[in-house]
Amino acid sequence: QIEEEVIEETDYDGFTTYVDKNGRRFRRRGPTVLADLWNMDPNEKIDVEVNKHGTPCGPESGLFASFLGVVARNGLFTPLELNWRKAEFRPYKAKILDLVQTKFRYPAATTKWILSTVNRRWSDYKTKLKSKYYDPELSIEEILAIPKPEGIIDTHWQTLVNRWYTEDFQRLSKINAENASNMKTPHTCGRMSIARWKAIKTKETGKEPDRLETFEDTHTRKNGTYVNGYTATLIEKAYTLRQEGSFDNEQIFQKVHGPEHPGRVRCAGLGPTPSTYLGPSCSSASINSTTTSNSNEVDALRSEVIELRNELAEAKSEVVELRSGMDQLQMEVDTLKTCSCNIFVGRRGQWRVQFVHYLHQAKVLHGVDKR
């Protein structure tokens, strides 16, 4: 491996200059730091252009997102040992928004997008740390003995490493890995967001592209080929439905791709939700369509439960009858025992009459010799 030595600080573009043992100088991209933005005049702010959903879509949207990525790696704003969804993170979310407001000017509707973006970048950062430092063959102590990543607070790093070895984390990590492997339609936008891509296309054509057009253009390479076979299949299905002429592009998109996932909308970028993008009725319809199969399963289970309850009631009835029969049989046995005792202790000449009397009581007279 080539020995390298850093000879210059990381510049504003995130590049660092290195020199190898042969004296060859080269630059390598490192973490984005955006020093110019951090050192910007406090009286200046960058105006952010947003679309109707509050998602940044102007030329400065890339810088805005990059800055949020830097914030997401800063332990003073996003501690690694806390849970984003719990109340313990609320003070840090407020701290993040206070910081962002000193650098950018944006409408209130963009606040949700800001927090969602920081959350995603924060999660991606933790994933990269685990991918680089976690080794199931090493113990916690051995990993902690390795020099920790630069800029991470010691206690945060220790908590994060310990969490990697818990059963809950291992289970969630497995689920997340399976979900990531199910991602079948990667887009070709690169670092450009869907919202930014749509804004550019709208300015070029004078019309905002719908979701079907967005999917086709952002999943097709420059040479005209699709990103993979699965994407090609979806686009071919859409083309067939379009030829029929019975549906508009939005209806075709929904038929081909199915219902939306909760909290996000395909080909709309980060920010819009099914209720805000499609409307409450469409969102409800999507949710209902996703739960149809589940409802059928629930109905089937309910029917099985009713049948089991009926069978249980019949079984209980049989048990009651059996117990009644056992009680009757016990009475007969007790009667016979009493009769037997009287046979032996009774006076001569009286036992026969008494024995016949008890046989009548026990209902076993049939078959007994009356002589």
Protein backbone atom coordinates (compact mmCIF):
# COMPACT_ATOMS: atom_id res chain seq x y z
CA GLN A 1 0.00 0.00 0.00
CA ILE A 2 1.29 3.48 -0.90
CA GLU A 3 2.22 5.59 2.10
CA GLU A 4 0.52 8.95 1.97
CA GLU A 5 0.95 12.17 3.90
CA VAL A 6 -1.50 15.04 4.00
CA ILE A 7 0.35 18.24 3.15
CA GLU A 8 -2.55 20.66 2.87
CA GLU A 9 -5.83 21.22 4.67
CA THR A 10 -9.07 20.18 3.04
CA ASP A 11 -10.22 22.95 0.71
CA TYR A 12 -13.70 24.38 0.36
CA ASP A 13 -14.69 21.84 -2.30
CA GLY A 14 -13.93 18.92 -0.01
CA PHE A 15 -10.63 17.94 -1.69
CA THR A 16 -7.37 17.21 0.13
CA THR A 17 -3.89 17.25 -1.42
CA TYR A 18 -1.66 14.23 -0.75
CA VAL A 19 1.92 13.30 -1.60
CA ASP A 20 3.14 9.69 -1.88
CA LYS A 21 6.62 8.31 -1.08
CA ASN A 22 7.76 9.10 -4.63
CA GLY A 23 6.87 12.75 -4.27
CA ARG A 24 3.81 12.56 -6.53
CA ARG A 25 1.14 15.08 -5.56
CA PHE A 26 -2.54 14.35 -6.06
CA ARG A 27 -5.92 15.46 -4.78
CA ARG A 28 -8.57 13.24 -3.28
CA ARG A 29 -12.14 14.06 -2.47
CA GLY A 30 -12.85 14.03 1.25
CA PRO A 31 -15.86 14.99 3.33
CA THR A 32 -17.54 18.17 2.18
CA VAL A 33 -16.91 20.95 4.70
CA LEU A 34 -18.24 24.09 2.93
CA ALA A 35 -15.92 26.40 4.83
CA ASP A 36 -17.05 29.40 2.74
CA LEU A 37 -20.60 28.89 3.88
CA TRP A 38 -19.66 28.51 7.54
CA ASN A 39 -17.62 31.70 7.35
CA MET A 40 -20.24 33.66 5.43
CA ASP A 41 -21.16 37.17 6.58
CA PRO A 42 -23.85 36.83 9.29
CA ASN A 43 -25.85 39.57 7.57
CA GLU A 44 -26.06 37.61 4.33
CA LYS A 45 -28.42 34.75 3.50
CA ILE A 46 -28.88 32.55 0.46
CA ASP A 47 -32.40 32.63 -1.00
CA VAL A 48 -33.78 29.17 -1.66
CA GLU A 49 -36.18 28.56 -4.55
CA VAL A 50 -38.80 25.92 -3.73
CA ASN A 51 -41.66 24.25 -5.58
CA LYS A 52 -45.31 24.09 -4.52
CA HIS A 53 -44.46 21.31 -2.05
CA GLY A 54 -41.78 23.37 -0.30
CA THR A 55 -38.94 21.28 -1.76
CA PRO A 56 -35.86 23.22 -2.94
CA CYS A 57 -35.61 23.11 -6.73
CA GLY A 58 -33.38 26.03 -7.73
CA PRO A 59 -29.66 26.19 -8.60
CA GLU A 60 -28.79 26.60 -4.91
CA SER A 61 -30.63 23.39 -3.91
CA GLY A 62 -27.44 21.32 -4.27
CA LEU A 63 -25.52 23.64 -1.95
CA PHE A 64 -28.43 23.63 0.49
CA ALA A 65 -28.54 19.81 0.59
CA SER A 66 -24.74 19.59 0.92
CA PHE A 67 -24.79 21.94 3.90
CA LEU A 68 -27.42 19.78 5.58
CA GLY A 69 -25.16 16.79 4.96
CA VAL A 70 -22.33 18.55 6.78
CA VAL A 71 -24.67 19.33 9.67
CA ALA A 72 -25.76 15.68 9.79
CA ARG A 73 -22.14 14.63 10.43
CA ASN A 74 -21.65 17.15 13.22
CA GLY A 75 -22.13 15.55 16.62
CA LEU A 76 -23.02 18.87 18.20
CA PHE A 77 -26.21 18.91 16.11
CA THR A 78 -26.85 15.20 15.48
CA PRO A 79 -25.55 13.01 18.34
CA LEU A 80 -24.93 9.46 17.18
CA GLU A 81 -26.17 7.87 20.40
CA LEU A 82 -29.70 9.32 20.30
CA ASN A 83 -32.86 8.19 18.50
CA TRP A 84 -34.14 10.67 15.91
CA ARG A 85 -37.79 9.71 16.49
CA LYS A 86 -37.77 10.14 20.26
CA ALA A 87 -38.34 13.30 22.27
CA GLU A 88 -34.69 13.39 23.32
CA PHE A 89 -33.80 14.62 19.81
CA ARG A 90 -36.23 17.57 19.75
CA PRO A 91 -33.78 20.14 21.19
CA TYR A 92 -31.25 19.18 18.52
CA LYS A 93 -33.82 19.53 15.74
CA ALA A 94 -34.56 23.04 16.97
CA LYS A 95 -30.83 23.73 17.08
CA ILE A 96 -30.47 22.54 13.48
CA LEU A 97 -33.25 24.82 12.26
CA ASP A 98 -31.78 27.78 14.13
CA LEU A 99 -28.45 27.20 12.39
CA VAL A 100 -29.94 26.74 8.92
CA GLN A 101 -31.93 29.95 9.26
CA THR A 102 -28.69 31.90 9.73
CA LYS A 103 -27.45 30.74 6.29
CA PHE A 104 -30.54 30.37 4.12
CA ARG A 105 -33.86 32.11 3.53
CA TYR A 106 -36.79 29.79 2.78
CA PRO A 107 -40.55 29.46 3.43
CA ALA A 108 -41.92 27.69 6.48
CA ALA A 109 -43.15 24.81 4.31
CA THR A 110 -39.51 23.81 3.70
CA THR A 111 -38.88 23.04 7.38
CA LYS A 112 -40.16 19.48 7.04
CA TRP A 113 -37.90 18.87 4.04
CA ILE A 114 -34.89 20.18 5.98
CA LEU A 115 -35.41 17.80 8.90
CA SER A 116 -36.15 14.88 6.58
CA THR A 117 -32.96 15.55 4.64
CA VAL A 118 -30.82 15.81 7.77
CA ASN A 119 -32.36 12.60 9.10
CA ARG A 120 -31.59 10.76 5.88
CA ARG A 121 -28.01 12.07 5.66
CA TRP A 122 -27.48 11.26 9.34
CA SER A 123 -28.71 7.70 8.80
CA ASP A 124 -26.50 7.32 5.71
CA TYR A 125 -23.51 8.57 7.69
CA LYS A 126 -24.05 5.98 10.43
CA THR A 127 -24.41 3.29 7.77
CA LYS A 128 -21.06 4.27 6.24
CA LEU A 129 -19.40 4.20 9.66
CA LYS A 130 -20.69 0.70 10.33
CA SER A 131 -19.66 -0.49 6.87
CA LYS A 132 -16.13 0.81 7.39
CA TYR A 133 -15.45 -0.03 11.04
CA TYR A 134 -17.72 -2.90 12.07
CA ASP A 135 -16.24 -6.39 11.93
CA PRO A 136 -18.15 -9.29 13.48
CA GLU A 137 -14.84 -11.05 14.08
CA LEU A 138 -13.65 -8.23 16.34
CA SER A 139 -14.82 -7.45 19.86
CA ILE A 140 -16.14 -4.10 21.00
CA GLU A 141 -12.86 -3.38 22.76
CA GLU A 142 -10.85 -4.13 19.61
CA ILE A 143 -12.95 -1.75 17.49
CA LEU A 144 -12.72 0.99 20.09
CA ALA A 145 -8.93 0.54 20.06
CA ILE A 146 -8.90 1.58 16.38
CA PRO A 147 -8.54 5.36 15.89
CA LYS A 148 -12.07 6.72 15.66
CA PRO A 149 -13.26 8.83 12.73
CA GLU A 150 -12.24 12.46 12.88
CA GLY A 151 -14.82 14.84 14.29
CA ILE A 152 -16.82 12.27 16.28
CA ILE A 153 -17.26 12.83 20.01
CA ASP A 154 -15.71 10.03 22.08
CA THR A 155 -18.83 9.14 24.06
CA HIS A 156 -20.95 9.15 20.89
CA TRP A 157 -18.55 6.75 19.20
CA GLN A 158 -18.46 4.38 22.16
CA THR A 159 -22.26 4.27 22.34
CA LEU A 160 -22.60 3.67 18.61
CA VAL A 161 -20.05 0.82 18.57
CA ASN A 162 -21.71 -0.87 21.56
CA ARG A 163 -25.08 -0.61 19.82
CA TRP A 164 -23.76 -2.48 16.77
CA TYR A 165 -23.50 -5.62 18.90
CA THR A 166 -27.00 -5.56 20.39
CA GLU A 167 -29.66 -8.02 19.21
CA ASP A 168 -32.13 -5.26 18.34
CA PHE A 169 -29.58 -3.49 16.15
CA GLN A 170 -28.62 -6.74 14.39
CA ARG A 171 -32.28 -7.46 13.67
CA LEU A 172 -32.97 -3.96 12.31
CA SER A 173 -29.76 -4.03 10.29
CA LYS A 174 -30.88 -7.25 8.63
CA ILE A 175 -34.29 -5.78 7.79
CA ASN A 176 -32.74 -2.62 6.34
CA ALA A 177 -30.33 -4.66 4.24
CA GLU A 178 -33.23 -6.67 2.81
CA ASN A 179 -35.15 -3.47 2.03
CA ALA A 180 -32.13 -1.98 0.30
CA SER A 181 -31.72 -5.10 -1.82
CA ASN A 182 -35.33 -4.73 -2.98
CA MET A 183 -34.60 -1.35 -4.56
CA LYS A 184 -35.06 -2.28 -8.21
CA THR A 185 -35.26 1.05 -10.04
CA PRO A 186 -32.19 3.29 -9.48
CA HIS A 187 -32.44 6.66 -11.25
CA THR A 188 -29.86 8.35 -13.47
CA CYS A 189 -30.00 11.85 -11.92
CA GLY A 190 -26.80 11.43 -9.94
CA ARG A 191 -26.50 14.15 -7.28
CA MET A 192 -29.36 16.14 -8.78
CA SER A 193 -32.64 15.80 -6.92
CA ILE A 194 -35.91 14.89 -8.62
CA ALA A 195 -37.35 18.28 -7.65
CA ARG A 196 -34.42 20.07 -9.30
CA TRP A 197 -34.71 17.88 -12.42
CA LYS A 198 -38.41 18.67 -12.69
CA ALA A 199 -37.77 22.41 -12.33
CA ILE A 200 -35.22 22.33 -15.16
CA LYS A 201 -37.57 20.37 -17.44
CA THR A 202 -40.43 22.73 -16.65
CA LYS A 203 -38.35 25.74 -17.69
CA GLU A 204 -37.25 23.98 -20.88
CA THR A 205 -40.69 22.79 -22.01
CA GLY A 206 -43.04 25.18 -20.25
CA LYS A 207 -44.86 22.23 -18.69
CA GLU A 208 -44.14 20.33 -15.51
CA PRO A 209 -43.48 16.65 -16.30
CA ASP A 210 -45.89 14.21 -14.69
CA ARG A 211 -44.72 11.19 -12.73
CA LEU A 212 -44.82 8.81 -15.68
CA GLU A 213 -42.67 11.14 -17.80
CA THR A 214 -40.35 11.71 -14.86
CA PHE A 215 -39.86 7.98 -14.32
CA GLU A 216 -39.13 7.29 -17.99
CA ASP A 217 -36.61 10.14 -18.35
CA THR A 218 -34.82 9.63 -15.03
CA HIS A 219 -34.45 5.87 -15.53
CA THR A 220 -33.08 6.00 -19.05
CA ARG A 221 -29.36 6.33 -19.79
CA LYS A 222 -27.91 8.83 -22.24
CA ASN A 223 -27.55 6.08 -24.85
CA GLY A 224 -31.30 5.39 -24.69
CA THR A 225 -31.12 2.14 -22.70
CA TYR A 226 -32.98 1.57 -19.44
CA VAL A 227 -31.10 1.15 -16.16
CA ASN A 228 -32.14 -2.52 -15.87
CA GLY A 229 -34.58 -5.12 -17.12
CA TYR A 230 -37.12 -4.51 -14.39
CA THR A 231 -37.35 -0.84 -15.33
CA ALA A 232 -37.77 -1.80 -18.98
CA THR A 233 -40.67 -4.07 -18.02
CA LEU A 234 -42.44 -1.26 -16.14
CA ILE A 235 -42.03 1.19 -19.01
CA GLU A 236 -43.29 -1.38 -21.52
CA LYS A 237 -46.40 -1.97 -19.39
CA ALA A 238 -46.98 1.78 -19.28
CA TYR A 239 -46.60 2.00 -23.07
CA THR A 240 -49.19 -0.74 -23.56
CA LEU A 241 -51.71 1.02 -21.31
CA ARG A 242 -51.02 4.31 -23.05
CA GLN A 243 -51.81 2.73 -26.44
CA GLU A 244 -55.21 1.65 -25.14
CA GLY A 245 -56.11 5.31 -24.58
CA SER A 246 -58.35 4.63 -21.58
CA PHE A 247 -56.14 6.20 -18.90
CA ASP A 248 -54.16 9.37 -18.37
CA ASN A 249 -50.49 9.29 -17.42
CA GLU A 250 -51.09 9.53 -13.66
CA GLN A 251 -53.55 6.63 -13.76
CA ILE A 252 -51.12 4.60 -15.84
CA PHE A 253 -48.32 5.32 -13.37
CA GLN A 254 -50.44 4.16 -10.43
CA LYS A 255 -51.51 1.00 -12.25
CA VAL A 256 -47.95 0.07 -13.22
CA HIS A 257 -46.22 0.93 -9.94
CA GLY A 258 -48.99 0.15 -7.48
CA PRO A 259 -49.94 2.01 -4.30
CA GLU A 260 -47.59 4.47 -2.66
CA HIS A 261 -45.62 3.71 0.46
CA PRO A 262 -46.62 5.63 3.60
CA GLY A 263 -44.91 8.99 3.95
CA ARG A 264 -43.43 9.33 0.46
CA VAL A 265 -44.38 9.53 -3.20
CA ARG A 266 -42.53 7.95 -6.10
CA CYS A 267 -40.91 10.34 -8.59
CA ALA A 268 -41.83 13.38 -6.50
CA GLY A 269 -38.65 13.83 -4.51
CA LEU A 270 -38.16 14.06 -0.77
CA GLY A 271 -40.91 16.00 0.98
CA PRO A 272 -44.33 15.29 -0.58
CA THR A 273 -46.54 12.64 1.01
CA PRO A 274 -49.49 10.76 -0.56
CA SER A 275 -51.97 13.09 1.16
CA THR A 276 -50.20 16.33 0.14
CA TYR A 277 -49.32 15.21 -3.39
CA LEU A 278 -52.30 13.09 -4.45
CA GLY A 279 -54.94 14.53 -2.11
CA PRO A 280 -56.74 12.89 0.83
CA SER A 281 -59.11 10.85 -1.34
CA CYS A 282 -56.34 9.42 -3.53
CA SER A 283 -54.20 8.77 -0.50
CA SER A 284 -57.05 6.94 1.19
CA ALA A 285 -57.68 4.94 -1.96
CA SER A 286 -54.03 3.93 -2.07
CA ILE A 287 -54.11 2.91 1.55
CA ASN A 288 -57.32 0.96 1.02
CA SER A 289 -55.86 -0.85 -1.98
CA THR A 290 -52.78 -1.82 0.01
CA THR A 291 -54.93 -3.24 2.82
CA THR A 292 -57.40 -5.19 0.66
CA SER A 293 -55.42 -8.40 0.83
CA ASN A 294 -54.85 -7.92 4.55
CA SER A 295 -58.59 -7.42 5.09
CA ASN A 296 -59.32 -10.67 3.23
CA GLU A 297 -56.84 -12.48 5.44
CA VAL A 298 -58.44 -10.97 8.55
CA ASP A 299 -61.91 -12.08 7.39
CA ALA A 300 -60.62 -15.59 6.80
CA LEU A 301 -59.05 -15.68 10.26
CA ARG A 302 -62.28 -14.41 11.81
CA SER A 303 -64.20 -17.23 10.12
CA GLU A 304 -61.72 -19.75 11.45
CA VAL A 305 -62.07 -18.29 14.95
CA ILE A 306 -65.88 -18.56 14.76
CA GLU A 307 -65.62 -22.17 13.64
CA LEU A 308 -63.19 -22.96 16.43
CA ARG A 309 -65.49 -21.30 18.95
CA ASN A 310 -68.43 -23.40 17.71
CA GLU A 311 -66.36 -26.56 17.93
CA LEU A 312 -65.26 -25.56 21.43
CA ALA A 313 -68.88 -25.00 22.48
CA GLU A 314 -69.83 -28.44 21.15
CA ALA A 315 -66.89 -29.99 22.96
CA LYS A 316 -67.93 -28.28 26.20
CA SER A 317 -71.46 -29.61 25.75
CA GLU A 318 -70.12 -33.12 25.28
CA VAL A 319 -67.99 -32.72 28.40
CA VAL A 320 -71.06 -31.68 30.38
CA GLU A 321 -72.95 -34.72 29.12
CA LEU A 322 -70.02 -36.98 29.97
CA ARG A 323 -69.80 -35.50 33.45
CA SER A 324 -73.53 -36.04 33.93
CA GLY A 325 -73.15 -39.62 32.80
CA MET A 326 -70.20 -40.11 35.12
CA ASP A 327 -72.22 -38.72 38.03
CA GLN A 328 -75.10 -41.06 37.22
CA LEU A 329 -72.71 -43.98 36.94
CA GLN A 330 -71.15 -43.07 40.27
CA MET A 331 -74.60 -43.03 41.86
CA GLU A 332 -75.30 -46.47 40.48
CA VAL A 333 -71.95 -47.76 41.75
CA ASP A 334 -72.63 -46.32 45.20
CA THR A 335 -76.09 -47.91 45.18
CA LEU A 336 -74.64 -51.29 44.26
CA LYS A 337 -72.05 -50.97 47.03
CA THR A 338 -74.80 -50.22 49.56
CA CYS A 339 -76.86 -53.08 48.24
CA SER A 340 -73.94 -55.43 48.57
CA CYS A 341 -73.40 -54.41 52.16
CA ASN A 342 -77.04 -54.99 53.02
CA ILE A 343 -76.88 -58.37 51.41
CA PHE A 344 -74.20 -59.48 53.81
CA VAL A 345 -75.33 -57.76 56.99
CA GLY A 346 -79.06 -58.05 56.57
CA ARG A 347 -81.08 -60.60 58.45
CA ARG A 348 -81.98 -63.85 56.75
CA GLY A 349 -85.20 -63.60 54.84
CA GLN A 350 -85.00 -59.81 54.40
CA TRP A 351 -81.95 -59.40 52.20
CA ARG A 352 -83.59 -60.71 49.00
CA VAL A 353 -86.38 -58.15 49.09
CA GLN A 354 -83.97 -55.32 49.90
CA PHE A 355 -81.58 -56.37 47.13
CA VAL A 356 -84.38 -56.35 44.53
CA HIS A 357 -85.38 -52.87 45.75
CA TYR A 358 -81.90 -51.47 45.21
CA LEU A 359 -81.67 -53.07 41.80
CA HIS A 360 -84.80 -51.20 40.81
CA GLN A 361 -83.25 -47.97 42.03
CA ALA A 362 -80.07 -48.55 40.04
CA LYS A 363 -82.06 -49.52 36.94
CA VAL A 364 -80.13 -52.75 36.57
CA LEU A 365 -82.98 -55.15 37.29
CA HIS A 366 -82.94 -56.58 33.77
CA GLY A 367 -81.00 -59.78 33.53
CA VAL A 368 -81.01 -60.51 37.29
CA ASP A 369 -82.34 -63.90 38.33
CA LYS A 370 -85.44 -63.23 40.47
CA ARG A 371 -85.43 -66.61 42.02
